[in-house]
C-alpha cells in the first residue's frame, strides 16, 4: 500500500466521522421542510443567519450535531457546496447536494433584494 497510512487515533476515526456527518446530511436532504429541520436540530431561527456564509456554518453545525469528531475540524468549503473535514495535513470534502446548496445561496439572493 503506497498511500498515506493512519498515524493517530484521529486518523482511524475518519470513517465513523464521515458516516455520522453523511447521516445527518441525508436527514436534512430528505426533510420536507429544510428550514424547519435546521431550526429543530439547532433550536434556532433562520433570522439569525444573514448571508450565505452564515447559512453554510448553520448547515455545518447541523451536520456535525451528535457526531464525535475525534479531533477532525469541519468547515464549509470555500464555494459553500460541501463541508471540508480536516485533521493535520489530511482533508476530505463531503458534498451537500443541490437542495442544501440552494438553501445556503438563497440567503445571498434575499440579502440583495
N, C-alpha and C. Protein backbone atom coordinates (compact mmCIF):
# COMPACT_ATOMS: atom_id res chain seq x y z
N UNK A 1 0.85 -1.17 0.00
CA UNK A 1 0.00 0.00 0.00
C UNK A 1 0.90 1.24 0.00
N UNK A 2 0.79 2.02 -1.03
CA UNK A 2 1.68 3.18 -1.15
C UNK A 2 1.04 4.48 -0.67
N UNK A 3 -0.24 4.47 -0.38
CA UNK A 3 -0.94 5.67 0.06
C UNK A 3 -0.65 6.01 1.50
N UNK A 4 -1.18 7.15 1.98
CA UNK A 4 -0.96 7.54 3.37
C UNK A 4 -1.61 6.55 4.31
N UNK A 5 -0.97 6.33 5.43
CA UNK A 5 -1.48 5.42 6.45
C UNK A 5 -1.89 6.23 7.68
N UNK A 6 -2.82 5.70 8.46
CA UNK A 6 -3.20 6.41 9.69
C UNK A 6 -2.01 6.54 10.62
N UNK A 7 -1.88 7.72 11.22
CA UNK A 7 -0.78 7.98 12.14
C UNK A 7 -1.25 8.29 13.56
N UNK A 8 -2.55 8.38 13.75
CA UNK A 8 -3.07 8.73 15.07
C UNK A 8 -4.46 8.14 15.25
N UNK A 9 -4.94 8.10 16.48
CA UNK A 9 -6.32 7.64 16.70
C UNK A 9 -7.34 8.48 15.91
N UNK A 10 -7.07 9.78 15.76
CA UNK A 10 -7.99 10.64 14.99
C UNK A 10 -8.06 10.18 13.54
N UNK A 11 -6.92 9.78 12.97
CA UNK A 11 -6.91 9.29 11.59
C UNK A 11 -7.78 8.04 11.46
N UNK A 12 -7.72 7.16 12.45
CA UNK A 12 -8.51 5.93 12.42
C UNK A 12 -10.01 6.20 12.56
N UNK A 13 -10.36 7.34 13.13
CA UNK A 13 -11.77 7.68 13.37
C UNK A 13 -12.43 8.36 12.18
N UNK A 14 -11.70 8.57 11.09
CA UNK A 14 -12.27 9.32 9.96
C UNK A 14 -13.55 8.67 9.43
N UNK A 15 -13.56 7.38 9.23
CA UNK A 15 -14.75 6.72 8.67
C UNK A 15 -15.99 6.95 9.53
N UNK A 16 -15.94 6.72 10.85
CA UNK A 16 -17.14 6.99 11.64
C UNK A 16 -17.55 8.47 11.63
N UNK A 17 -16.60 9.36 11.57
CA UNK A 17 -16.91 10.80 11.50
C UNK A 17 -17.67 11.09 10.21
N UNK A 18 -17.15 10.61 9.08
CA UNK A 18 -17.81 10.86 7.79
C UNK A 18 -19.19 10.21 7.72
N UNK A 19 -19.32 9.02 8.27
CA UNK A 19 -20.63 8.35 8.27
C UNK A 19 -21.63 9.15 9.10
N UNK A 20 -21.22 9.64 10.25
CA UNK A 20 -22.13 10.45 11.08
C UNK A 20 -22.56 11.72 10.39
N UNK A 21 -21.62 12.40 9.76
CA UNK A 21 -21.93 13.63 9.03
C UNK A 21 -22.89 13.32 7.88
N UNK A 22 -22.61 12.27 7.13
CA UNK A 22 -23.46 11.92 5.99
C UNK A 22 -24.86 11.54 6.44
N UNK A 23 -24.99 10.85 7.55
CA UNK A 23 -26.33 10.51 8.06
C UNK A 23 -27.12 11.78 8.39
N UNK A 24 -26.46 12.74 9.04
CA UNK A 24 -27.15 13.99 9.36
C UNK A 24 -27.54 14.75 8.09
N UNK A 25 -26.64 14.77 7.11
CA UNK A 25 -26.96 15.46 5.85
C UNK A 25 -28.09 14.74 5.11
N UNK A 26 -28.10 13.41 5.14
CA UNK A 26 -29.19 12.66 4.50
C UNK A 26 -30.54 13.02 5.10
N UNK A 27 -30.57 13.17 6.42
CA UNK A 27 -31.81 13.55 7.09
C UNK A 27 -32.27 14.93 6.63
N UNK A 28 -31.32 15.86 6.49
CA UNK A 28 -31.67 17.20 6.01
C UNK A 28 -32.15 17.14 4.57
N UNK A 29 -31.44 16.39 3.73
CA UNK A 29 -31.82 16.28 2.31
C UNK A 29 -33.21 15.71 2.14
N UNK A 30 -33.59 14.78 3.01
CA UNK A 30 -34.88 14.11 2.89
C UNK A 30 -36.03 14.87 3.53
N UNK A 31 -35.72 15.90 4.29
CA UNK A 31 -36.74 16.66 5.00
C UNK A 31 -37.66 17.39 4.03
N UNK A 32 -38.95 17.35 4.33
CA UNK A 32 -39.92 18.08 3.51
C UNK A 32 -39.76 19.58 3.66
N UNK A 33 -39.25 20.02 4.81
CA UNK A 33 -39.06 21.45 5.08
C UNK A 33 -37.67 21.62 5.70
N UNK A 34 -36.70 21.96 4.87
CA UNK A 34 -35.31 22.06 5.29
C UNK A 34 -35.13 23.10 6.39
N UNK A 35 -35.76 24.25 6.25
CA UNK A 35 -35.66 25.30 7.26
C UNK A 35 -36.16 24.81 8.62
N UNK A 36 -37.27 24.13 8.62
CA UNK A 36 -37.84 23.61 9.86
C UNK A 36 -36.90 22.56 10.48
N UNK A 37 -36.35 21.68 9.65
CA UNK A 37 -35.43 20.64 10.13
C UNK A 37 -34.19 21.27 10.78
N UNK A 38 -33.65 22.31 10.17
CA UNK A 38 -32.49 23.00 10.74
C UNK A 38 -32.85 23.69 12.06
N UNK A 39 -33.99 24.36 12.09
CA UNK A 39 -34.42 25.06 13.31
C UNK A 39 -34.63 24.07 14.44
N UNK A 40 -35.21 22.92 14.13
CA UNK A 40 -35.45 21.89 15.14
C UNK A 40 -34.14 21.29 15.64
N UNK A 41 -33.23 21.01 14.71
CA UNK A 41 -31.92 20.45 15.07
C UNK A 41 -31.14 21.37 16.00
N UNK A 42 -31.15 22.65 15.68
CA UNK A 42 -30.26 23.60 16.34
C UNK A 42 -30.96 24.50 17.35
N UNK A 43 -32.29 24.35 17.45
CA UNK A 43 -33.07 25.18 18.36
C UNK A 43 -32.76 26.66 18.13
N UNK A 44 -32.90 27.05 16.85
CA UNK A 44 -32.61 28.43 16.49
C UNK A 44 -33.63 28.93 15.46
N UNK A 45 -33.33 30.08 14.88
CA UNK A 45 -34.24 30.73 13.95
C UNK A 45 -33.44 31.22 12.75
N UNK A 46 -34.00 31.05 11.56
CA UNK A 46 -33.32 31.46 10.33
C UNK A 46 -32.97 32.95 10.33
N UNK A 47 -33.70 33.75 11.08
CA UNK A 47 -33.44 35.20 11.11
C UNK A 47 -32.05 35.51 11.67
N UNK A 48 -31.44 34.57 12.36
CA UNK A 48 -30.10 34.78 12.92
C UNK A 48 -29.02 34.67 11.86
N UNK A 49 -29.37 34.18 10.67
CA UNK A 49 -28.37 33.90 9.63
C UNK A 49 -28.61 34.85 8.46
N UNK A 50 -27.70 35.81 8.29
CA UNK A 50 -27.93 36.91 7.36
C UNK A 50 -27.32 36.76 5.98
N UNK A 51 -26.53 35.76 5.75
CA UNK A 51 -25.91 35.60 4.45
C UNK A 51 -25.52 34.15 4.19
N UNK A 52 -25.04 33.88 3.00
CA UNK A 52 -24.67 32.51 2.64
C UNK A 52 -23.62 31.90 3.57
N UNK A 53 -22.64 32.69 4.00
CA UNK A 53 -21.61 32.14 4.89
C UNK A 53 -22.22 31.73 6.23
N UNK A 54 -23.14 32.54 6.74
CA UNK A 54 -23.82 32.20 7.99
C UNK A 54 -24.64 30.92 7.83
N UNK A 55 -25.35 30.81 6.72
CA UNK A 55 -26.16 29.61 6.49
C UNK A 55 -25.28 28.38 6.28
N UNK A 56 -24.15 28.54 5.63
CA UNK A 56 -23.24 27.41 5.45
C UNK A 56 -22.73 26.92 6.80
N UNK A 57 -22.40 27.84 7.69
CA UNK A 57 -21.97 27.44 9.04
C UNK A 57 -23.12 26.78 9.80
N UNK A 58 -24.34 27.25 9.57
CA UNK A 58 -25.51 26.63 10.21
C UNK A 58 -25.66 25.18 9.75
N UNK A 59 -25.51 24.94 8.46
CA UNK A 59 -25.60 23.58 7.93
C UNK A 59 -24.48 22.72 8.52
N UNK A 60 -23.28 23.28 8.64
CA UNK A 60 -22.15 22.53 9.22
C UNK A 60 -22.45 22.15 10.67
N UNK A 61 -23.05 23.06 11.42
CA UNK A 61 -23.41 22.75 12.81
C UNK A 61 -24.42 21.62 12.88
N UNK A 62 -25.40 21.64 11.99
CA UNK A 62 -26.40 20.58 11.97
C UNK A 62 -25.79 19.26 11.52
N UNK A 63 -24.90 19.32 10.54
CA UNK A 63 -24.27 18.10 10.02
C UNK A 63 -23.39 17.42 11.05
N UNK A 64 -22.84 18.20 11.98
CA UNK A 64 -21.95 17.62 12.99
C UNK A 64 -22.63 17.37 14.33
N UNK A 65 -23.90 17.71 14.41
CA UNK A 65 -24.64 17.55 15.66
C UNK A 65 -24.68 16.07 16.05
N UNK A 66 -24.21 15.78 17.24
CA UNK A 66 -24.24 14.41 17.75
C UNK A 66 -23.12 13.53 17.20
N UNK A 67 -22.19 14.10 16.45
CA UNK A 67 -21.09 13.33 15.88
C UNK A 67 -19.83 13.59 16.70
N UNK A 68 -19.20 12.54 17.20
CA UNK A 68 -17.92 12.68 17.89
C UNK A 68 -16.86 12.88 16.81
N UNK A 69 -16.33 14.08 16.71
CA UNK A 69 -15.41 14.42 15.62
C UNK A 69 -13.98 13.90 15.84
N UNK A 70 -13.66 13.41 17.01
CA UNK A 70 -12.33 12.83 17.28
C UNK A 70 -11.20 13.74 16.83
N UNK A 71 -11.37 15.06 16.99
CA UNK A 71 -10.31 15.99 16.62
C UNK A 71 -10.35 16.48 15.18
N UNK A 72 -11.27 15.98 14.38
CA UNK A 72 -11.42 16.44 12.99
C UNK A 72 -12.15 17.77 13.01
N UNK A 73 -11.76 18.68 12.14
CA UNK A 73 -12.37 20.00 12.03
C UNK A 73 -13.31 19.99 10.82
N UNK A 74 -14.49 20.53 10.98
CA UNK A 74 -15.47 20.56 9.88
C UNK A 74 -15.86 21.99 9.61
N UNK A 75 -15.64 22.43 8.37
CA UNK A 75 -15.98 23.79 7.94
C UNK A 75 -16.57 23.73 6.53
N UNK A 76 -17.40 24.71 6.20
CA UNK A 76 -17.89 24.78 4.82
C UNK A 76 -16.71 24.97 3.85
N UNK A 77 -16.83 24.38 2.67
CA UNK A 77 -15.82 24.60 1.64
C UNK A 77 -15.93 26.05 1.15
N UNK A 78 -14.88 26.60 0.56
CA UNK A 78 -14.93 27.99 0.10
C UNK A 78 -16.09 28.28 -0.87
N UNK A 79 -16.47 27.29 -1.68
CA UNK A 79 -17.58 27.50 -2.63
C UNK A 79 -18.95 27.23 -1.99
N UNK A 80 -18.97 26.82 -0.73
CA UNK A 80 -20.18 26.53 0.04
C UNK A 80 -21.01 25.41 -0.56
N UNK A 81 -20.39 24.52 -1.31
CA UNK A 81 -21.09 23.36 -1.89
C UNK A 81 -20.83 22.08 -1.10
N UNK A 82 -20.01 22.18 -0.07
CA UNK A 82 -19.67 20.99 0.69
C UNK A 82 -19.11 21.36 2.05
N UNK A 83 -18.68 20.33 2.77
CA UNK A 83 -18.02 20.51 4.05
C UNK A 83 -16.64 19.91 3.95
N UNK A 84 -15.63 20.64 4.39
CA UNK A 84 -14.27 20.13 4.43
C UNK A 84 -14.02 19.56 5.82
N UNK A 85 -13.69 18.29 5.84
CA UNK A 85 -13.37 17.59 7.08
C UNK A 85 -11.85 17.44 7.08
N UNK A 86 -11.17 18.06 8.05
CA UNK A 86 -9.71 18.06 8.00
C UNK A 86 -9.10 17.80 9.37
N UNK A 87 -7.89 17.26 9.32
CA UNK A 87 -7.10 16.98 10.52
C UNK A 87 -5.65 16.95 10.08
N UNK A 88 -4.87 17.88 10.60
CA UNK A 88 -3.47 17.93 10.17
C UNK A 88 -3.40 18.16 8.66
N UNK A 89 -2.58 17.37 7.97
CA UNK A 89 -2.42 17.56 6.53
C UNK A 89 -3.51 16.90 5.70
N UNK A 90 -4.43 16.18 6.36
CA UNK A 90 -5.44 15.42 5.63
C UNK A 90 -6.75 16.19 5.55
N UNK A 91 -7.42 16.05 4.43
CA UNK A 91 -8.69 16.75 4.23
C UNK A 91 -9.56 15.95 3.27
N UNK A 92 -10.86 15.91 3.58
CA UNK A 92 -11.86 15.23 2.76
C UNK A 92 -13.05 16.18 2.63
N UNK A 93 -13.64 16.23 1.45
CA UNK A 93 -14.84 17.06 1.26
C UNK A 93 -16.07 16.18 1.15
N UNK A 94 -17.13 16.60 1.82
CA UNK A 94 -18.43 15.94 1.76
C UNK A 94 -19.37 16.90 1.05
N UNK A 95 -19.95 16.47 -0.05
CA UNK A 95 -20.83 17.35 -0.82
C UNK A 95 -22.19 17.47 -0.14
N UNK A 96 -22.77 18.66 -0.20
CA UNK A 96 -24.05 18.92 0.45
C UNK A 96 -25.24 18.49 -0.39
N UNK A 97 -25.14 18.63 -1.69
CA UNK A 97 -26.28 18.36 -2.57
C UNK A 97 -26.98 19.65 -2.96
N UNK A 98 -27.69 19.59 -4.05
CA UNK A 98 -28.33 20.76 -4.64
C UNK A 98 -29.28 21.46 -3.67
N UNK A 99 -30.13 20.70 -3.01
CA UNK A 99 -31.15 21.30 -2.15
C UNK A 99 -30.54 22.13 -1.01
N UNK A 100 -29.52 21.59 -0.36
CA UNK A 100 -28.89 22.30 0.74
C UNK A 100 -28.08 23.48 0.21
N UNK A 101 -27.40 23.28 -0.91
CA UNK A 101 -26.63 24.38 -1.51
C UNK A 101 -27.56 25.51 -1.93
N UNK A 102 -28.72 25.19 -2.48
CA UNK A 102 -29.69 26.23 -2.84
C UNK A 102 -30.15 27.00 -1.61
N UNK A 103 -30.38 26.28 -0.51
CA UNK A 103 -30.77 26.95 0.75
C UNK A 103 -29.69 27.94 1.17
N UNK A 104 -28.43 27.52 1.10
CA UNK A 104 -27.32 28.39 1.51
C UNK A 104 -27.24 29.62 0.62
N UNK A 105 -27.29 29.44 -0.66
CA UNK A 105 -27.16 30.55 -1.61
C UNK A 105 -28.39 31.45 -1.62
N UNK A 106 -29.53 30.94 -1.24
CA UNK A 106 -30.76 31.74 -1.19
C UNK A 106 -30.58 32.94 -0.28
N UNK A 107 -29.79 32.79 0.76
CA UNK A 107 -29.56 33.91 1.68
C UNK A 107 -28.96 35.10 0.96
N UNK A 108 -28.03 34.83 0.04
CA UNK A 108 -27.42 35.92 -0.71
C UNK A 108 -28.43 36.61 -1.60
N UNK A 109 -29.31 35.85 -2.23
CA UNK A 109 -30.35 36.43 -3.09
C UNK A 109 -31.31 37.27 -2.27
N UNK A 110 -31.68 36.80 -1.08
CA UNK A 110 -32.60 37.54 -0.24
C UNK A 110 -31.95 38.81 0.29
N UNK A 111 -30.66 38.76 0.58
CA UNK A 111 -29.95 39.93 1.12
C UNK A 111 -29.80 41.02 0.06
N UNK A 112 -29.74 40.66 -1.22
CA UNK A 112 -29.58 41.63 -2.29
C UNK A 112 -30.88 42.33 -2.63
N UNK A 113 -32.01 41.82 -2.20
CA UNK A 113 -33.31 42.43 -2.52
C UNK A 113 -33.56 43.68 -1.75
